[in-house]
Amino acid sequence: SDEDLLVVHTRRYLNELKWSFAVATITEIPPVIFLPNFLVQRKVLKPLRTQTGGTIMAGKLAMERGWAINVGGGFHHCSSDRGGGFCAYADITLAIKFLFERVEGISRATIVDLDAHQGNGHERDFMGDKRVYIMDVYNRHIYPGDRFAKQAIRRKVELEWGTEDDEYLDKVERNLQKALQEHPP
């Protein structure tokens, strides 16, 4: 619901999503610009909201059952006031804020972002928030190259073109161990 989305998103940003041009730009699907917005809401944004709800649900289930996964979501390029890189809703930020507000005893979170791209959305949202530790593993040569957002990364693992699997897994393992020492659960 809009009420749930307003936990993170600005009203101005949510109103922006009522324009097909804005959604086409955010999702990087140019033909969306030609669709009436009622179709964009139903066929583009509603599925993304459902996936966002799945991320929030996965957070709740992980607290109840010890683990959970959402195969949708992971919209790490969207922040509270802007989308981009196919990401229209800040599901990671929403899930963490819901857990902070609604689950007793949750006062810290660690984001381990393993996507090839820098997760600039949640980085912007949690800039300066010491409760949230961000480890981001990404190719430093590709989108988004958001220097401002990089300031929020507490464990930055910048990869080069052609990083092989063994090197990648070694870097993830070593840095994850250090991250958990620096910000224990």
N, C-alpha and C. Protein backbone atom coordinates (compact mmCIF):
# COMPACT_ATOMS: atom_id res chain seq x y z
N SER A 1 0.84 -1.19 0.00
CA SER A 1 0.00 0.00 0.00
C SER A 1 0.88 1.24 0.00
N ASP A 2 0.30 2.37 -0.39
CA ASP A 2 1.04 3.63 -0.34
C ASP A 2 1.52 3.93 1.07
N GLU A 3 0.69 3.60 2.05
CA GLU A 3 1.06 3.83 3.45
C GLU A 3 2.34 3.07 3.80
N ASP A 4 2.42 1.82 3.37
CA ASP A 4 3.63 1.03 3.61
C ASP A 4 4.83 1.62 2.87
N LEU A 5 4.62 2.01 1.62
CA LEU A 5 5.72 2.56 0.82
C LEU A 5 6.22 3.89 1.39
N LEU A 6 5.32 4.65 2.03
CA LEU A 6 5.70 5.94 2.61
C LEU A 6 6.59 5.79 3.84
N VAL A 7 6.76 4.57 4.34
CA VAL A 7 7.73 4.34 5.42
C VAL A 7 9.12 4.74 4.93
N VAL A 8 9.36 4.59 3.64
CA VAL A 8 10.66 4.92 3.05
C VAL A 8 10.54 6.00 1.98
N HIS A 9 9.62 5.83 1.05
CA HIS A 9 9.55 6.71 -0.11
C HIS A 9 8.87 8.04 0.19
N THR A 10 9.32 9.06 -0.53
CA THR A 10 8.68 10.36 -0.40
C THR A 10 7.38 10.36 -1.21
N ARG A 11 6.44 11.17 -0.80
CA ARG A 11 5.18 11.31 -1.55
C ARG A 11 5.49 11.79 -2.96
N ARG A 12 6.43 12.71 -3.08
CA ARG A 12 6.80 13.25 -4.39
C ARG A 12 7.27 12.12 -5.33
N TYR A 13 8.11 11.22 -4.81
CA TYR A 13 8.59 10.12 -5.64
C TYR A 13 7.44 9.20 -6.05
N LEU A 14 6.57 8.85 -5.11
CA LEU A 14 5.44 7.97 -5.45
C LEU A 14 4.53 8.62 -6.48
N ASN A 15 4.35 9.94 -6.40
CA ASN A 15 3.55 10.65 -7.41
C ASN A 15 4.23 10.61 -8.78
N GLU A 16 5.55 10.64 -8.79
CA GLU A 16 6.31 10.56 -10.03
C GLU A 16 6.01 9.25 -10.78
N LEU A 17 5.77 8.18 -10.01
CA LEU A 17 5.49 6.88 -10.63
C LEU A 17 4.13 6.85 -11.33
N LYS A 18 3.37 7.92 -11.23
CA LYS A 18 2.09 8.01 -11.94
C LYS A 18 2.28 8.51 -13.37
N TRP A 19 3.52 8.73 -13.75
CA TRP A 19 3.85 9.17 -15.10
C TRP A 19 4.60 8.04 -15.82
N SER A 20 4.06 7.63 -16.95
CA SER A 20 4.67 6.53 -17.72
C SER A 20 6.11 6.84 -18.11
N PHE A 21 6.39 8.11 -18.43
CA PHE A 21 7.76 8.48 -18.79
C PHE A 21 8.73 8.17 -17.65
N ALA A 22 8.34 8.51 -16.43
CA ALA A 22 9.21 8.26 -15.27
C ALA A 22 9.46 6.77 -15.09
N VAL A 23 8.41 5.97 -15.22
CA VAL A 23 8.56 4.52 -15.05
C VAL A 23 9.42 3.93 -16.17
N ALA A 24 9.24 4.42 -17.39
CA ALA A 24 10.06 3.96 -18.52
C ALA A 24 11.54 4.26 -18.26
N THR A 25 11.81 5.42 -17.70
CA THR A 25 13.19 5.81 -17.40
C THR A 25 13.77 4.94 -16.29
N ILE A 26 13.02 4.76 -15.22
CA ILE A 26 13.49 3.97 -14.07
C ILE A 26 13.74 2.52 -14.45
N THR A 27 12.79 1.93 -15.17
CA THR A 27 12.89 0.51 -15.52
C THR A 27 13.77 0.27 -16.75
N GLU A 28 14.13 1.34 -17.43
CA GLU A 28 14.95 1.27 -18.64
C GLU A 28 14.27 0.42 -19.72
N ILE A 29 12.95 0.60 -19.81
CA ILE A 29 12.15 -0.06 -20.85
C ILE A 29 11.46 1.05 -21.64
N PRO A 30 12.12 1.59 -22.69
CA PRO A 30 11.60 2.75 -23.41
C PRO A 30 10.15 2.64 -23.90
N PRO A 31 9.67 1.49 -24.42
CA PRO A 31 8.29 1.44 -24.91
C PRO A 31 7.23 1.72 -23.83
N VAL A 32 7.58 1.59 -22.57
CA VAL A 32 6.62 1.86 -21.48
C VAL A 32 6.11 3.30 -21.56
N ILE A 33 6.90 4.19 -22.14
CA ILE A 33 6.50 5.59 -22.24
C ILE A 33 5.19 5.75 -23.02
N PHE A 34 4.90 4.82 -23.93
CA PHE A 34 3.72 4.93 -24.79
C PHE A 34 2.47 4.29 -24.18
N LEU A 35 2.62 3.65 -23.04
CA LEU A 35 1.47 2.99 -22.40
C LEU A 35 0.72 3.95 -21.50
N PRO A 36 -0.62 3.84 -21.48
CA PRO A 36 -1.37 4.64 -20.51
C PRO A 36 -0.96 4.21 -19.10
N ASN A 37 -0.93 5.17 -18.18
CA ASN A 37 -0.39 4.86 -16.87
C ASN A 37 -1.18 3.81 -16.11
N PHE A 38 -2.48 3.68 -16.37
CA PHE A 38 -3.23 2.63 -15.66
C PHE A 38 -2.67 1.25 -16.00
N LEU A 39 -2.20 1.06 -17.25
CA LEU A 39 -1.56 -0.21 -17.63
C LEU A 39 -0.18 -0.34 -16.99
N VAL A 40 0.55 0.75 -16.93
CA VAL A 40 1.87 0.73 -16.29
C VAL A 40 1.72 0.35 -14.82
N GLN A 41 0.71 0.92 -14.17
CA GLN A 41 0.47 0.59 -12.76
C GLN A 41 0.17 -0.90 -12.60
N ARG A 42 -0.69 -1.42 -13.46
CA ARG A 42 -1.15 -2.80 -13.34
C ARG A 42 -0.11 -3.83 -13.79
N LYS A 43 0.56 -3.55 -14.91
CA LYS A 43 1.43 -4.57 -15.52
C LYS A 43 2.92 -4.41 -15.22
N VAL A 44 3.33 -3.23 -14.78
CA VAL A 44 4.75 -3.01 -14.48
C VAL A 44 4.94 -2.82 -12.97
N LEU A 45 4.26 -1.84 -12.40
CA LEU A 45 4.52 -1.49 -11.00
C LEU A 45 3.90 -2.46 -9.99
N LYS A 46 2.71 -2.97 -10.28
CA LYS A 46 2.09 -3.91 -9.33
C LYS A 46 2.98 -5.14 -9.09
N PRO A 47 3.51 -5.78 -10.15
CA PRO A 47 4.42 -6.91 -9.90
C PRO A 47 5.67 -6.51 -9.09
N LEU A 48 6.17 -5.29 -9.31
CA LEU A 48 7.33 -4.84 -8.54
C LEU A 48 6.95 -4.60 -7.08
N ARG A 49 5.73 -4.10 -6.84
CA ARG A 49 5.27 -3.94 -5.45
C ARG A 49 5.09 -5.30 -4.78
N THR A 50 4.61 -6.28 -5.54
CA THR A 50 4.46 -7.64 -4.99
C THR A 50 5.82 -8.20 -4.59
N GLN A 51 6.82 -8.01 -5.44
CA GLN A 51 8.17 -8.47 -5.11
C GLN A 51 8.73 -7.72 -3.89
N THR A 52 8.41 -6.44 -3.79
CA THR A 52 8.83 -5.65 -2.63
C THR A 52 8.20 -6.21 -1.36
N GLY A 53 6.92 -6.55 -1.44
CA GLY A 53 6.25 -7.20 -0.30
C GLY A 53 6.90 -8.52 0.05
N GLY A 54 7.38 -9.24 -0.97
CA GLY A 54 8.08 -10.50 -0.73
C GLY A 54 9.37 -10.31 0.05
N THR A 55 10.07 -9.22 -0.21
CA THR A 55 11.30 -8.94 0.54
C THR A 55 10.97 -8.65 2.00
N ILE A 56 9.93 -7.88 2.23
CA ILE A 56 9.51 -7.58 3.61
C ILE A 56 9.10 -8.87 4.31
N MET A 57 8.33 -9.70 3.63
CA MET A 57 7.90 -10.98 4.19
C MET A 57 9.09 -11.89 4.48
N ALA A 58 10.07 -11.90 3.59
CA ALA A 58 11.27 -12.72 3.81
C ALA A 58 12.00 -12.26 5.07
N GLY A 59 12.05 -10.97 5.31
CA GLY A 59 12.67 -10.46 6.53
C GLY A 59 11.95 -10.94 7.77
N LYS A 60 10.62 -10.87 7.74
CA LYS A 60 9.82 -11.34 8.89
C LYS A 60 10.00 -12.84 9.10
N LEU A 61 9.95 -13.61 8.01
CA LEU A 61 10.10 -15.06 8.11
C LEU A 61 11.50 -15.45 8.59
N ALA A 62 12.50 -14.72 8.16
CA ALA A 62 13.86 -15.01 8.62
C ALA A 62 13.96 -14.85 10.13
N MET A 63 13.26 -13.87 10.67
CA MET A 63 13.28 -13.67 12.13
C MET A 63 12.54 -14.80 12.84
N GLU A 64 11.45 -15.27 12.25
CA GLU A 64 10.66 -16.34 12.87
C GLU A 64 11.30 -17.72 12.71
N ARG A 65 11.88 -17.98 11.54
CA ARG A 65 12.31 -19.34 11.21
C ARG A 65 13.82 -19.52 11.05
N GLY A 66 14.55 -18.42 11.15
CA GLY A 66 16.00 -18.52 11.05
C GLY A 66 16.57 -18.22 9.68
N TRP A 67 15.75 -18.30 8.65
CA TRP A 67 16.21 -17.95 7.30
C TRP A 67 14.99 -17.81 6.39
N ALA A 68 15.17 -17.13 5.29
CA ALA A 68 14.13 -16.99 4.27
C ALA A 68 14.78 -16.42 3.02
N ILE A 69 14.09 -16.56 1.91
CA ILE A 69 14.61 -16.04 0.64
C ILE A 69 13.45 -15.49 -0.17
N ASN A 70 13.72 -14.46 -0.94
CA ASN A 70 12.76 -13.91 -1.90
C ASN A 70 13.47 -13.88 -3.25
N VAL A 71 12.99 -14.66 -4.21
CA VAL A 71 13.65 -14.69 -5.51
C VAL A 71 13.34 -13.45 -6.34
N GLY A 72 12.33 -12.68 -5.94
CA GLY A 72 12.07 -11.38 -6.55
C GLY A 72 12.73 -10.33 -5.67
N GLY A 73 12.61 -9.11 -6.04
CA GLY A 73 13.18 -8.05 -5.20
C GLY A 73 14.67 -7.88 -5.41
N GLY A 74 15.30 -7.29 -4.39
CA GLY A 74 16.72 -6.96 -4.52
C GLY A 74 16.91 -5.69 -5.33
N PHE A 75 15.97 -4.76 -5.18
CA PHE A 75 15.98 -3.52 -5.97
C PHE A 75 16.94 -2.50 -5.37
N HIS A 76 18.22 -2.81 -5.47
CA HIS A 76 19.23 -2.05 -4.74
C HIS A 76 19.63 -0.72 -5.37
N HIS A 77 19.05 -0.35 -6.51
CA HIS A 77 19.35 0.96 -7.11
C HIS A 77 18.30 2.01 -6.75
N CYS A 78 17.24 1.60 -6.09
CA CYS A 78 16.18 2.55 -5.72
C CYS A 78 16.41 3.05 -4.30
N SER A 79 16.29 4.36 -4.13
CA SER A 79 16.38 4.95 -2.80
C SER A 79 15.04 5.61 -2.48
N SER A 80 14.97 6.29 -1.37
CA SER A 80 13.70 6.86 -0.92
C SER A 80 13.09 7.84 -1.91
N ASP A 81 13.94 8.56 -2.65
CA ASP A 81 13.40 9.61 -3.51
C ASP A 81 13.72 9.46 -5.00
N ARG A 82 14.29 8.31 -5.38
CA ARG A 82 14.49 8.10 -6.82
C ARG A 82 14.77 6.63 -7.14
N GLY A 83 14.28 6.25 -8.32
CA GLY A 83 14.52 4.91 -8.81
C GLY A 83 15.54 4.94 -9.92
N GLY A 84 15.91 3.75 -10.38
CA GLY A 84 16.86 3.65 -11.48
C GLY A 84 17.34 2.22 -11.61
N GLY A 85 17.99 1.93 -12.71
CA GLY A 85 18.57 0.60 -12.89
C GLY A 85 17.56 -0.52 -12.74
N PHE A 86 16.37 -0.35 -13.30
CA PHE A 86 15.28 -1.33 -13.25
C PHE A 86 14.57 -1.37 -11.90
N CYS A 87 14.95 -0.54 -10.96
CA CYS A 87 14.45 -0.63 -9.58
C CYS A 87 13.52 0.54 -9.26
N ALA A 88 12.23 0.25 -9.05
CA ALA A 88 11.24 1.30 -8.78
C ALA A 88 10.92 1.44 -7.30
N TYR A 89 11.18 0.42 -6.50
CA TYR A 89 10.86 0.46 -5.07
C TYR A 89 12.09 0.02 -4.26
N ALA A 90 12.30 0.67 -3.13
CA ALA A 90 13.46 0.39 -2.27
C ALA A 90 13.13 -0.73 -1.30
N ASP A 91 13.02 -1.95 -1.82
CA ASP A 91 12.57 -3.08 -0.99
C ASP A 91 13.54 -3.42 0.14
N ILE A 92 14.82 -3.29 -0.09
CA ILE A 92 15.81 -3.63 0.95
C ILE A 92 15.68 -2.65 2.11
N THR A 93 15.63 -1.36 1.79
CA THR A 93 15.45 -0.34 2.83
C THR A 93 14.13 -0.56 3.56
N LEU A 94 13.06 -0.81 2.82
CA LEU A 94 11.75 -1.05 3.44
C LEU A 94 11.79 -2.22 4.40
N ALA A 95 12.37 -3.33 3.98
CA ALA A 95 12.40 -4.52 4.83
C ALA A 95 13.15 -4.24 6.13
N ILE A 96 14.28 -3.57 6.03
CA ILE A 96 15.07 -3.28 7.23
C ILE A 96 14.33 -2.31 8.14
N LYS A 97 13.73 -1.27 7.57
CA LYS A 97 12.99 -0.31 8.40
C LYS A 97 11.79 -0.97 9.07
N PHE A 98 11.09 -1.85 8.36
CA PHE A 98 9.97 -2.58 8.96
C PHE A 98 10.46 -3.42 10.13
N LEU A 99 11.57 -4.10 9.96
CA LEU A 99 12.10 -4.93 11.05
C LEU A 99 12.51 -4.06 12.24
N PHE A 100 13.15 -2.94 11.99
CA PHE A 100 13.53 -2.04 13.08
C PHE A 100 12.30 -1.56 13.85
N GLU A 101 11.24 -1.23 13.12
CA GLU A 101 10.05 -0.65 13.74
C GLU A 101 9.11 -1.68 14.35
N ARG A 102 9.06 -2.87 13.80
CA ARG A 102 7.99 -3.80 14.18
C ARG A 102 8.43 -5.10 14.83
N VAL A 103 9.73 -5.35 14.91
CA VAL A 103 10.20 -6.58 15.54
C VAL A 103 11.07 -6.20 16.73
N GLU A 104 10.61 -6.58 17.90
CA GLU A 104 11.34 -6.25 19.12
C GLU A 104 12.72 -6.91 19.11
N GLY A 105 13.71 -6.16 19.52
CA GLY A 105 15.05 -6.71 19.63
C GLY A 105 15.91 -6.53 18.39
N ILE A 106 15.34 -6.02 17.31
CA ILE A 106 16.12 -5.79 16.09
C ILE A 106 16.63 -4.35 16.15
N SER A 107 17.92 -4.21 16.27
CA SER A 107 18.49 -2.86 16.36
C SER A 107 19.67 -2.67 15.40
N ARG A 108 20.04 -3.74 14.69
CA ARG A 108 21.16 -3.67 13.75
C ARG A 108 20.85 -4.54 12.54
N ALA A 109 21.47 -4.19 11.43
CA ALA A 109 21.30 -4.99 10.22
C ALA A 109 22.59 -4.93 9.41
N THR A 110 22.84 -5.99 8.67
CA THR A 110 23.97 -6.03 7.75
C THR A 110 23.43 -6.35 6.36
N ILE A 111 23.78 -5.53 5.41
CA ILE A 111 23.44 -5.78 4.01
C ILE A 111 24.70 -6.33 3.34
N VAL A 112 24.59 -7.51 2.75
CA VAL A 112 25.68 -8.09 1.97
C VAL A 112 25.18 -8.11 0.53
N ASP A 113 25.64 -7.16 -0.25
CA ASP A 113 25.17 -6.98 -1.63
C ASP A 113 26.18 -7.62 -2.57
N LEU A 114 25.76 -8.70 -3.23
CA LEU A 114 26.66 -9.47 -4.10
C LEU A 114 26.36 -9.29 -5.58
N ASP A 115 25.47 -8.38 -5.92
CA ASP A 115 25.16 -8.10 -7.31
C ASP A 115 26.39 -7.47 -7.97
N ALA A 116 26.52 -7.62 -9.27
CA ALA A 116 27.68 -7.07 -9.98
C ALA A 116 27.74 -5.55 -9.93
N HIS A 117 26.59 -4.92 -9.66
CA HIS A 117 26.52 -3.46 -9.62
C HIS A 117 26.51 -2.95 -8.18
N GLN A 118 27.08 -1.79 -7.97
CA GLN A 118 27.03 -1.13 -6.67
C GLN A 118 25.57 -0.89 -6.27
N GLY A 119 25.23 -1.19 -5.02
CA GLY A 119 23.86 -1.01 -4.53
C GLY A 119 23.62 0.39 -4.00
N ASN A 120 23.60 1.36 -4.88
CA ASN A 120 23.56 2.76 -4.46
C ASN A 120 22.26 3.19 -3.79
N GLY A 121 21.16 2.49 -4.03
CA GLY A 121 19.89 2.90 -3.42
C GLY A 121 19.90 2.75 -1.91
N HIS A 122 20.14 1.53 -1.43
CA HIS A 122 20.16 1.33 0.02
C HIS A 122 21.34 2.05 0.65
N GLU A 123 22.41 2.26 -0.11
CA GLU A 123 23.55 3.01 0.43
C GLU A 123 23.15 4.45 0.72
N ARG A 124 22.43 5.07 -0.20
CA ARG A 124 21.96 6.44 0.02
C ARG A 124 20.97 6.48 1.20
N ASP A 125 20.09 5.50 1.27
CA ASP A 125 19.08 5.50 2.33
C ASP A 125 19.67 5.34 3.72
N PHE A 126 20.74 4.58 3.84
CA PHE A 126 21.32 4.32 5.16
C PHE A 126 22.61 5.10 5.41
N MET A 127 22.86 6.10 4.59
CA MET A 127 24.04 6.95 4.77
C MET A 127 24.05 7.51 6.20
N GLY A 128 25.11 7.24 6.92
CA GLY A 128 25.25 7.77 8.28
C GLY A 128 24.49 7.01 9.36
N ASP A 129 23.76 5.97 8.99
CA ASP A 129 23.00 5.17 9.98
C ASP A 129 23.91 4.04 10.48
N LYS A 130 24.44 4.20 11.66
CA LYS A 130 25.41 3.23 12.21
C LYS A 130 24.78 1.87 12.53
N ARG A 131 23.44 1.79 12.55
CA ARG A 131 22.78 0.51 12.82
C ARG A 131 22.91 -0.43 11.63
N VAL A 132 23.15 0.13 10.45
CA VAL A 132 23.18 -0.66 9.22
C VAL A 132 24.60 -0.68 8.66
N TYR A 133 25.13 -1.89 8.54
CA TYR A 133 26.47 -2.12 8.00
C TYR A 133 26.30 -2.63 6.58
N ILE A 134 27.00 -2.02 5.64
CA ILE A 134 26.88 -2.42 4.24
C ILE A 134 28.21 -2.97 3.73
N MET A 135 28.14 -4.20 3.24
CA MET A 135 29.25 -4.80 2.50
C MET A 135 28.76 -4.93 1.06
N ASP A 136 29.50 -4.34 0.14
CA ASP A 136 29.08 -4.36 -1.26
C ASP A 136 30.24 -4.89 -2.10
N VAL A 137 29.94 -5.91 -2.90
CA VAL A 137 30.91 -6.54 -3.80
C VAL A 137 30.42 -6.24 -5.22
N TYR A 138 31.20 -5.49 -5.99
CA TYR A 138 30.71 -5.06 -7.30
C TYR A 138 31.86 -4.74 -8.25
N ASN A 139 31.55 -4.75 -9.53
CA ASN A 139 32.50 -4.34 -10.57
C ASN A 139 32.56 -2.81 -10.55
N ARG A 140 33.70 -2.27 -10.26
CA ARG A 140 33.83 -0.83 -10.09
C ARG A 140 33.74 -0.04 -11.40
N HIS A 141 33.73 -0.74 -12.53
CA HIS A 141 33.75 -0.07 -13.83
C HIS A 141 32.37 0.09 -14.45
N ILE A 142 31.33 -0.43 -13.81
CA ILE A 142 30.00 -0.41 -14.44
C ILE A 142 29.01 0.41 -13.61
N TYR A 143 27.80 0.55 -14.15
CA TYR A 143 26.71 1.28 -13.51
C TYR A 143 26.59 0.89 -12.04
N PRO A 144 26.30 1.79 -11.15
CA PRO A 144 25.99 3.20 -11.36
C PRO A 144 27.16 4.15 -11.14
N GLY A 145 28.24 3.70 -10.52
CA GLY A 145 29.37 4.59 -10.26
C GLY A 145 28.99 5.78 -9.38
N ASP A 146 28.20 5.53 -8.37
CA ASP A 146 27.67 6.58 -7.50
C ASP A 146 28.68 6.86 -6.37
N ARG A 147 29.53 7.83 -6.59
CA ARG A 147 30.59 8.14 -5.61
C ARG A 147 30.03 8.57 -4.27
N PHE A 148 28.97 9.36 -4.29
CA PHE A 148 28.37 9.81 -3.03
C PHE A 148 27.90 8.61 -2.21
N ALA A 149 27.17 7.70 -2.85
CA ALA A 149 26.63 6.53 -2.14
C ALA A 149 27.74 5.62 -1.61
N LYS A 150 28.87 5.59 -2.28
CA LYS A 150 29.98 4.73 -1.83
C LYS A 150 30.43 5.07 -0.42
N GLN A 151 30.18 6.29 0.03
CA GLN A 151 30.57 6.70 1.38
C GLN A 151 29.86 5.87 2.46
N ALA A 152 28.72 5.28 2.12
CA ALA A 152 27.95 4.49 3.09
C ALA A 152 28.46 3.06 3.21
N ILE A 153 29.30 2.63 2.28
CA ILE A 153 29.79 1.25 2.29
C ILE A 153 30.87 1.11 3.36
N ARG A 154 30.66 0.20 4.28
CA ARG A 154 31.64 0.00 5.35
C ARG A 154 32.67 -1.07 4.95
N ARG A 155 32.30 -2.01 4.08
CA ARG A 155 33.24 -3.01 3.56
C ARG A 155 33.04 -3.04 2.05
N LYS A 156 33.92 -2.35 1.36
CA LYS A 156 33.84 -2.18 -0.09
C LYS A 156 34.76 -3.20 -0.75
N VAL A 157 34.20 -4.01 -1.66
CA VAL A 157 34.99 -4.99 -2.41
C VAL A 157 34.79 -4.68 -3.89
N GLU A 158 35.71 -3.89 -4.43
CA GLU A 158 35.60 -3.48 -5.82
C GLU A 158 36.34 -4.48 -6.70
N LEU A 159 35.63 -5.00 -7.68
CA LEU A 159 36.18 -6.03 -8.57
C LEU A 159 36.57 -5.42 -9.91
N GLU A 160 37.49 -6.09 -10.57
CA GLU A 160 37.93 -5.70 -11.91
C GLU A 160 37.17 -6.53 -12.94
N TRP A 161 37.24 -6.07 -14.20
CA TRP A 161 36.70 -6.87 -15.30
C TRP A 161 37.37 -8.25 -15.28
N GLY A 162 36.62 -9.27 -15.57
CA GLY A 162 37.19 -10.60 -15.74
C GLY A 162 37.56 -11.31 -14.45
N THR A 163 37.05 -10.86 -13.32
CA THR A 163 37.33 -11.55 -12.06
C THR A 163 36.81 -12.98 -12.18
N GLU A 164 37.67 -13.94 -11.92
CA GLU A 164 37.31 -15.36 -12.02
C GLU A 164 36.57 -15.83 -10.77
N ASP A 165 35.85 -16.93 -10.89
CA ASP A 165 35.03 -17.45 -9.79
C ASP A 165 35.82 -17.67 -8.51
N ASP A 166 36.97 -18.32 -8.61
CA ASP A 166 37.75 -18.63 -7.41
C ASP A 166 38.18 -17.35 -6.68
N GLU A 167 38.63 -16.37 -7.44
CA GLU A 167 39.04 -15.09 -6.83
C GLU A 167 37.84 -14.40 -6.19
N TYR A 168 36.70 -14.41 -6.90
CA TYR A 168 35.48 -13.79 -6.37
C TYR A 168 35.06 -14.44 -5.06
N LEU A 169 34.97 -15.76 -5.05
CA LEU A 169 34.54 -16.48 -3.84
C LEU A 169 35.51 -16.26 -2.69
N ASP A 170 36.80 -16.22 -2.97
CA ASP A 170 37.79 -15.96 -1.93
C ASP A 170 37.60 -14.56 -1.33
N LYS A 171 37.40 -13.57 -2.19
CA LYS A 171 37.19 -12.20 -1.70
C LYS A 171 35.91 -12.09 -0.89
N VAL A 172 34.85 -12.74 -1.34
CA VAL A 172 33.59 -12.70 -0.59
C VAL A 172 33.79 -13.33 0.78
N GLU A 173 34.39 -14.51 0.82
CA GLU A 173 34.57 -15.21 2.09
C GLU A 173 35.43 -14.40 3.07
N ARG A 174 36.58 -13.91 2.60
CA ARG A 174 37.47 -13.15 3.49
C ARG A 174 36.81 -11.87 4.00
N ASN A 175 36.13 -11.17 3.11
CA ASN A 175 35.51 -9.91 3.50
C ASN A 175 34.26 -10.11 4.34
N LEU A 176 33.53 -11.18 4.11
CA LEU A 176 32.36 -11.47 4.94
C LEU A 176 32.79 -11.78 6.37
N GLN A 177 33.86 -12.53 6.52
CA GLN A 177 34.38 -12.81 7.87
C GLN A 177 34.76 -11.51 8.58
N LYS A 178 35.43 -10.61 7.87
CA LYS A 178 35.82 -9.32 8.46
C LYS A 178 34.59 -8.48 8.79
N ALA A 179 33.61 -8.50 7.89
CA ALA A 179 32.38 -7.72 8.13
C ALA A 179 31.67 -8.20 9.39
N LEU A 180 31.59 -9.51 9.57
CA LEU A 180 30.91 -10.05 10.75
C LEU A 180 31.68 -9.76 12.03
N GLN A 181 32.99 -9.63 11.93
CA GLN A 181 33.79 -9.23 13.10
C GLN A 181 33.56 -7.75 13.42
N GLU A 182 33.46 -6.93 12.38
CA GLU A 182 33.28 -5.49 12.57
C GLU A 182 31.87 -5.13 13.02
N HIS A 183 30.89 -5.92 12.63
CA HIS A 183 29.48 -5.63 12.93
C HIS A 183 28.76 -6.94 13.23
N PRO A 184 29.05 -7.54 14.40
CA PRO A 184 28.44 -8.85 14.71
C PRO A 184 26.92 -8.76 14.81
N PRO A 185 26.24 -9.84 14.41
CA PRO A 185 24.76 -9.84 14.47
C PRO A 185 24.26 -9.75 15.91
